[in-house]
Amino acid sequence: MTRRLPPLNAVKAFEASARHGGFSLAARELGVTPGAISQQVKILEEFFSKRLFVRRNNQLQLTDAGLALYADSAEVIDRLSAMTQRMLEGNLPSRFVISTLPSVAVRWLNRRLEGFLAMEPDIRCEIRVEDDPVDFTRHHIDLRISYGQHLYPELVTIPLLRDEVLPLCSPAFLARGRFQEGVPGSIPDQDLIHVDWGASFASYPTWAEWFDATGTERAPQLGLGHRVGMSSLAIDLALSGFGVALGQRLLARDELADGRLLAPFPQRLPLGYAYCAVHPHSRSQKRTVLSFIEWLRRDL
């Protein structure tokens, strides 16, 4: 049976236009004029008898048909590109680009990635540690572990886990008797470790909110305690015996399990958003992406 295929040049022009959000950047990438790109896209629209792009407010947007075609065409072109590289350079291992938040990278992913790599021995990972937002296209990112479902509305976002925070301290610090067990309000302000996530975040629970949840009327003075810009640093300070951190359970999982950190009070608060796996539509059927998401769901 004869296989019916669309014109490859038209598919390349469409995929580049969809990825860049316009004809000009696609033309620059492919070394042709914007008019040539527009003509190739028109050829593809005629081939499928479907409109693939619409213009809204001087911006090029994918139609439903265009969105469906982009997911498949990008996957096909990625695979052709990988095949070309293997043929020209030898049988290189598949590269998987993961982007993640700093605290997740240093206190969770780095300790568990070996489990995924053991499952996928032919994969070579590139780990990008960075804050949101990230440029998936420019850096060829396959998947990002992000905080919140709202940051990349044009991409596929899969909620994984909504973490929670709770007071954490070392056994040695607890033994000093700096506060009365069972009495939340007895923790001195100078022993509180605060996390400042910066101006972009307002969803991280504070000590004031935690005290309120315990029924304690308390407004801690931030200037008296330690203050750090990463949740992982707060846990590190608590581990070193410098106070009580309002730390994330996910990031302190190992230390809680082996007793290096204790939770002296049971009250906990959920984070404002869930951690999510985010990836381009073009990666929706990529086997490595699906395998990694499944692994994340099992381990988180």
Protein backbone atom coordinates (compact mmCIF):
# COMPACT_ATOMS: atom_id res chain seq x y z
CA MET A 1 0.00 0.00 0.00
CA THR A 2 1.34 3.43 -0.95
CA ARG A 3 1.92 5.68 2.04
CA ARG A 4 0.39 9.10 1.68
CA LEU A 5 2.67 11.74 3.21
CA PRO A 6 2.48 15.54 3.38
CA PRO A 7 5.23 17.64 1.74
CA LEU A 8 8.22 17.53 4.09
CA ASN A 9 9.26 21.14 3.43
CA ALA A 10 5.76 22.30 4.26
CA VAL A 11 5.80 20.30 7.51
CA LYS A 12 9.18 21.80 8.44
CA ALA A 13 7.90 25.33 7.76
CA PHE A 14 4.74 24.73 9.78
CA GLU A 15 6.57 23.17 12.75
CA ALA A 16 9.09 26.02 12.93
CA SER A 17 6.31 28.61 12.67
CA ALA A 18 4.29 26.97 15.42
CA ARG A 19 7.33 26.62 17.66
CA HIS A 20 8.44 30.24 17.20
CA GLY A 21 4.95 31.72 17.12
CA GLY A 22 5.46 33.43 13.75
CA PHE A 23 6.81 33.26 10.20
CA SER A 24 9.76 35.65 10.62
CA LEU A 25 11.67 33.62 13.21
CA ALA A 26 10.83 30.40 11.40
CA ALA A 27 12.22 31.91 8.18
CA ARG A 28 15.41 32.95 9.95
CA GLU A 29 15.89 29.41 11.32
CA LEU A 30 15.30 27.73 7.97
CA GLY A 31 17.22 30.28 5.91
CA VAL A 32 14.33 31.42 3.70
CA THR A 33 12.00 34.40 3.51
CA PRO A 34 8.82 34.84 5.62
CA GLY A 35 6.88 34.77 2.36
CA ALA A 36 8.29 31.35 1.54
CA ILE A 37 7.28 30.08 4.98
CA SER A 38 3.77 31.47 4.53
CA GLN A 39 3.49 29.76 1.15
CA GLN A 40 4.63 26.41 2.55
CA VAL A 41 2.08 26.64 5.38
CA LYS A 42 -0.62 27.40 2.80
CA ILE A 43 0.42 24.28 0.87
CA LEU A 44 0.04 22.20 4.03
CA GLU A 45 -3.36 23.72 4.80
CA GLU A 46 -4.50 22.80 1.29
CA PHE A 47 -3.10 19.29 1.67
CA PHE A 48 -5.12 18.67 4.85
CA SER A 49 -8.05 20.96 3.88
CA LYS A 50 -7.78 22.51 7.33
CA ARG A 51 -6.84 25.93 8.61
CA LEU A 52 -3.76 25.66 10.83
CA PHE A 53 -3.19 29.26 11.96
CA VAL A 54 -5.34 32.29 12.73
CA ARG A 55 -4.25 35.86 13.43
CA ARG A 56 -5.48 37.50 16.61
CA ASN A 57 -4.23 40.92 17.71
CA ASN A 58 -1.35 40.71 15.23
CA GLN A 59 -0.26 37.38 16.70
CA LEU A 60 -0.19 34.02 14.96
CA GLN A 61 -2.10 31.37 16.91
CA LEU A 62 -2.67 27.69 16.24
CA THR A 63 -6.17 26.43 15.53
CA ASP A 64 -7.35 23.16 17.10
CA ALA A 65 -6.24 21.36 13.94
CA GLY A 66 -2.91 23.19 14.03
CA LEU A 67 -2.36 22.27 17.67
CA ALA A 68 -2.98 18.58 16.95
CA LEU A 69 -0.69 18.66 13.91
CA TYR A 70 2.07 20.50 15.81
CA ALA A 71 2.28 17.83 18.51
CA ASP A 72 2.82 15.09 15.91
CA SER A 73 4.97 17.03 13.46
CA ALA A 74 7.38 18.25 16.15
CA GLU A 75 7.80 14.69 17.39
CA VAL A 76 8.49 13.45 13.86
CA ILE A 77 11.04 16.20 13.16
CA ASP A 78 12.75 15.60 16.51
CA ARG A 79 13.08 11.93 15.67
CA LEU A 80 14.39 12.69 12.18
CA SER A 81 16.92 15.09 13.66
CA ALA A 82 18.06 12.50 16.21
CA MET A 83 18.32 9.86 13.48
CA THR A 84 20.42 12.22 11.36
CA GLN A 85 22.75 12.95 14.25
CA ARG A 86 23.18 9.24 15.00
CA MET A 87 23.93 8.45 11.38
CA LEU A 88 26.43 11.29 11.02
CA GLU A 89 28.11 11.07 14.41
CA GLY A 90 27.65 7.47 15.45
CA ASN A 91 25.16 5.78 17.76
CA LEU A 92 24.96 8.52 20.37
CA PRO A 93 22.80 7.99 23.46
CA SER A 94 19.48 9.84 23.61
CA ARG A 95 19.71 13.19 25.45
CA PHE A 96 16.96 14.20 27.89
CA VAL A 97 16.87 17.84 29.02
CA ILE A 98 15.27 18.40 32.44
CA SER A 99 14.71 21.84 33.94
CA THR A 100 13.93 22.16 37.63
CA LEU A 101 13.75 24.55 40.56
CA PRO A 102 16.93 24.95 42.64
CA SER A 103 15.64 23.51 45.92
CA VAL A 104 14.05 20.52 44.18
CA ALA A 105 17.32 19.90 42.33
CA VAL A 106 19.63 19.93 45.36
CA ARG A 107 17.42 18.26 47.95
CA TRP A 108 15.31 15.79 45.99
CA LEU A 109 16.12 15.18 42.30
CA ASN A 110 19.88 14.73 42.72
CA ARG A 111 19.33 12.06 45.37
CA ARG A 112 16.85 10.04 43.33
CA LEU A 113 17.78 10.51 39.70
CA GLU A 114 19.94 7.38 39.78
CA GLY A 115 16.73 5.36 40.10
CA PHE A 116 15.41 6.74 36.82
CA LEU A 117 18.76 6.39 35.06
CA ALA A 118 18.99 2.76 36.17
CA MET A 119 15.65 2.20 34.40
CA GLU A 120 16.83 4.06 31.29
CA PRO A 121 20.52 3.16 30.77
CA ASP A 122 20.58 4.60 27.24
CA ILE A 123 19.53 8.07 28.36
CA ARG A 124 21.97 10.92 29.01
CA CYS A 125 20.44 13.72 31.10
CA GLU A 126 21.11 17.42 30.97
CA ILE A 127 19.88 19.06 34.19
CA ARG A 128 19.11 22.78 34.08
CA VAL A 129 18.67 24.37 37.53
CA GLU A 130 16.73 27.62 37.14
CA ASP A 131 13.78 29.68 38.31
CA ASP A 132 10.61 30.27 36.33
CA PRO A 133 9.97 31.27 33.63
CA VAL A 134 12.17 29.20 31.33
CA ASP A 135 12.47 29.14 27.54
CA PHE A 136 11.59 25.60 26.44
CA THR A 137 12.30 26.28 22.78
CA ARG A 138 15.66 28.01 23.04
CA HIS A 139 17.12 25.47 25.45
CA HIS A 140 15.40 22.39 23.93
CA ILE A 141 13.85 21.50 27.30
CA ASP A 142 11.98 18.20 27.27
CA LEU A 143 10.39 18.55 30.71
CA ARG A 144 10.37 20.95 33.66
CA ILE A 145 9.50 20.34 37.28
CA SER A 146 7.72 23.57 38.13
CA TYR A 147 5.75 25.07 41.02
CA GLY A 148 2.13 25.78 40.07
CA GLN A 149 -0.15 24.99 37.13
CA HIS A 150 -0.52 28.59 35.94
CA LEU A 151 2.92 29.48 34.58
CA TYR A 152 2.86 27.82 31.16
CA PRO A 153 -0.75 27.81 29.90
CA GLU A 154 0.35 27.06 26.33
CA LEU A 155 2.15 23.85 27.39
CA VAL A 156 1.06 20.53 28.90
CA THR A 157 1.03 20.77 32.71
CA ILE A 158 0.56 17.68 34.90
CA PRO A 159 0.11 18.16 38.69
CA LEU A 160 2.31 15.78 40.67
CA LEU A 161 2.25 16.63 44.38
CA ARG A 162 1.10 19.41 46.65
CA ASP A 163 3.74 19.53 49.34
CA GLU A 164 3.29 20.74 52.92
CA VAL A 165 5.42 22.54 55.48
CA LEU A 166 5.92 21.77 59.16
CA PRO A 167 8.33 22.84 61.90
CA LEU A 168 11.66 21.01 61.67
CA CYS A 169 14.69 21.02 63.96
CA SER A 170 17.63 18.80 64.81
CA PRO A 171 17.55 16.43 67.82
CA ALA A 172 20.44 18.39 69.34
CA PHE A 173 18.54 21.66 69.10
CA LEU A 174 15.43 20.09 70.62
CA ALA A 175 17.55 18.79 73.51
CA ARG A 176 18.60 22.32 74.43
CA GLY A 177 15.11 23.04 75.73
CA ARG A 178 14.77 26.33 73.86
CA PHE A 179 10.98 25.88 73.70
CA GLN A 180 8.31 23.88 75.46
CA GLU A 181 7.12 20.82 73.57
CA GLY A 182 3.42 20.98 72.78
CA VAL A 183 3.34 24.78 73.20
CA PRO A 184 3.85 26.41 69.76
CA GLY A 185 3.98 29.93 71.14
CA SER A 186 7.03 29.10 73.25
CA ILE A 187 9.46 29.09 70.27
CA PRO A 188 11.53 32.29 70.58
CA ASP A 189 11.54 34.63 67.59
CA GLN A 190 15.33 34.39 67.38
CA ASP A 191 15.08 30.62 66.83
CA LEU A 192 12.69 30.84 63.87
CA ILE A 193 14.14 30.25 60.39
CA HIS A 194 12.17 32.13 57.73
CA VAL A 195 12.03 31.47 53.98
CA ASP A 196 11.77 34.46 51.66
CA TRP A 197 10.73 33.20 48.23
CA GLY A 198 10.93 36.69 46.74
CA ALA A 199 8.43 39.11 45.29
CA SER A 200 7.14 36.65 42.68
CA PHE A 201 5.71 34.25 45.27
CA ALA A 202 2.96 34.87 47.77
CA SER A 203 1.83 31.29 48.29
CA TYR A 204 4.54 29.97 50.62
CA PRO A 205 3.18 29.57 54.18
CA THR A 206 4.77 31.81 56.80
CA TRP A 207 5.42 31.33 60.49
CA ALA A 208 2.62 33.83 61.22
CA GLU A 209 0.18 31.59 59.29
CA TRP A 210 1.47 28.49 61.07
CA PHE A 211 1.01 30.06 64.50
CA ASP A 212 -2.50 31.13 63.49
CA ALA A 213 -3.30 27.55 62.41
CA THR A 214 -2.30 26.31 65.88
CA GLY A 215 -4.61 28.85 67.52
CA THR A 216 -1.68 30.92 68.78
CA GLU A 217 -1.84 34.69 68.55
CA ARG A 218 1.65 35.47 67.41
CA ALA A 219 3.28 37.89 64.96
CA PRO A 220 6.99 36.92 64.84
CA GLN A 221 9.56 39.64 64.31
CA LEU A 222 11.36 38.63 61.11
CA GLY A 223 14.50 40.55 61.98
CA LEU A 224 15.21 38.44 65.05
CA GLY A 225 15.46 35.05 63.31
CA HIS A 226 17.44 33.68 60.38
CA ARG A 227 16.09 34.47 56.91
CA VAL A 228 17.03 32.61 53.72
CA GLY A 229 16.05 32.82 50.07
CA MET A 230 15.64 29.08 49.41
CA SER A 231 13.60 26.45 51.24
CA SER A 232 16.53 24.03 50.95
CA LEU A 233 18.75 26.48 52.87
CA ALA A 234 16.20 26.68 55.68
CA ILE A 235 16.37 22.90 56.04
CA ASP A 236 20.17 23.00 56.01
CA LEU A 237 20.20 25.56 58.85
CA ALA A 238 17.80 23.43 60.87
CA LEU A 239 20.02 20.38 60.26
CA SER A 240 22.99 22.32 61.60
CA GLY A 241 21.13 23.16 64.80
CA PHE A 242 20.57 26.87 64.18
CA GLY A 243 16.85 26.93 64.90
CA VAL A 244 13.44 25.71 63.77
CA ALA A 245 12.58 25.86 60.08
CA LEU A 246 9.15 25.81 58.54
CA GLY A 247 10.37 23.23 56.05
CA GLN A 248 8.89 21.26 53.20
CA ARG A 249 8.23 17.61 53.91
CA LEU A 250 9.26 16.54 50.40
CA LEU A 251 12.66 18.24 50.62
CA ALA A 252 13.33 16.92 54.13
CA ARG A 253 12.05 13.39 53.51
CA ASP A 254 15.40 11.64 53.95
CA GLU A 255 16.38 13.56 57.08
CA LEU A 256 13.00 12.91 58.70
CA ALA A 257 13.25 9.22 57.85
CA ASP A 258 16.69 8.73 59.39
CA GLY A 259 16.08 10.97 62.44
CA ARG A 260 18.46 13.79 61.55
CA LEU A 261 15.44 16.12 61.64
CA LEU A 262 12.46 16.01 63.96
CA ALA A 263 8.98 17.51 63.69
CA PRO A 264 8.30 18.75 67.23
CA PHE A 265 4.74 19.88 66.43
CA PRO A 266 2.13 18.02 64.36
CA GLN A 267 0.48 21.06 62.76
CA ARG A 268 1.32 21.40 59.06
CA LEU A 269 0.23 23.69 56.23
CA PRO A 270 -0.12 22.91 52.49
CA LEU A 271 1.80 24.90 49.92
CA GLY A 272 -0.26 27.23 47.78
CA TYR A 273 0.33 25.23 44.61
CA ALA A 274 1.33 21.76 43.49
CA TYR A 275 4.62 20.76 41.92
CA CYS A 276 3.98 19.95 38.27
CA ALA A 277 5.61 18.33 35.27
CA VAL A 278 5.50 20.70 32.30
CA HIS A 279 6.40 19.82 28.73
CA PRO A 280 5.71 21.05 25.18
CA HIS A 281 2.88 19.42 23.23
CA SER A 282 5.52 18.12 20.86
CA ARG A 283 6.89 15.92 23.66
CA SER A 284 3.50 14.40 24.57
CA GLN A 285 4.31 11.04 22.96
CA LYS A 286 8.05 11.02 23.61
CA ARG A 287 8.78 7.78 25.41
CA THR A 288 11.42 9.24 27.72
CA VAL A 289 9.06 12.02 28.85
CA LEU A 290 6.27 9.56 29.59
CA SER A 291 8.68 7.27 31.45
CA PHE A 292 10.04 10.16 33.53
CA ILE A 293 6.56 11.40 34.48
CA GLU A 294 5.56 7.90 35.53
CA TRP A 295 8.73 7.62 37.62
CA LEU A 296 8.03 11.00 39.25
CA ARG A 297 4.52 9.92 40.20
CA ARG A 298 5.82 6.77 41.86
CA ASP A 299 8.59 8.48 43.83
CA LEU A 300 7.01 11.76 44.92
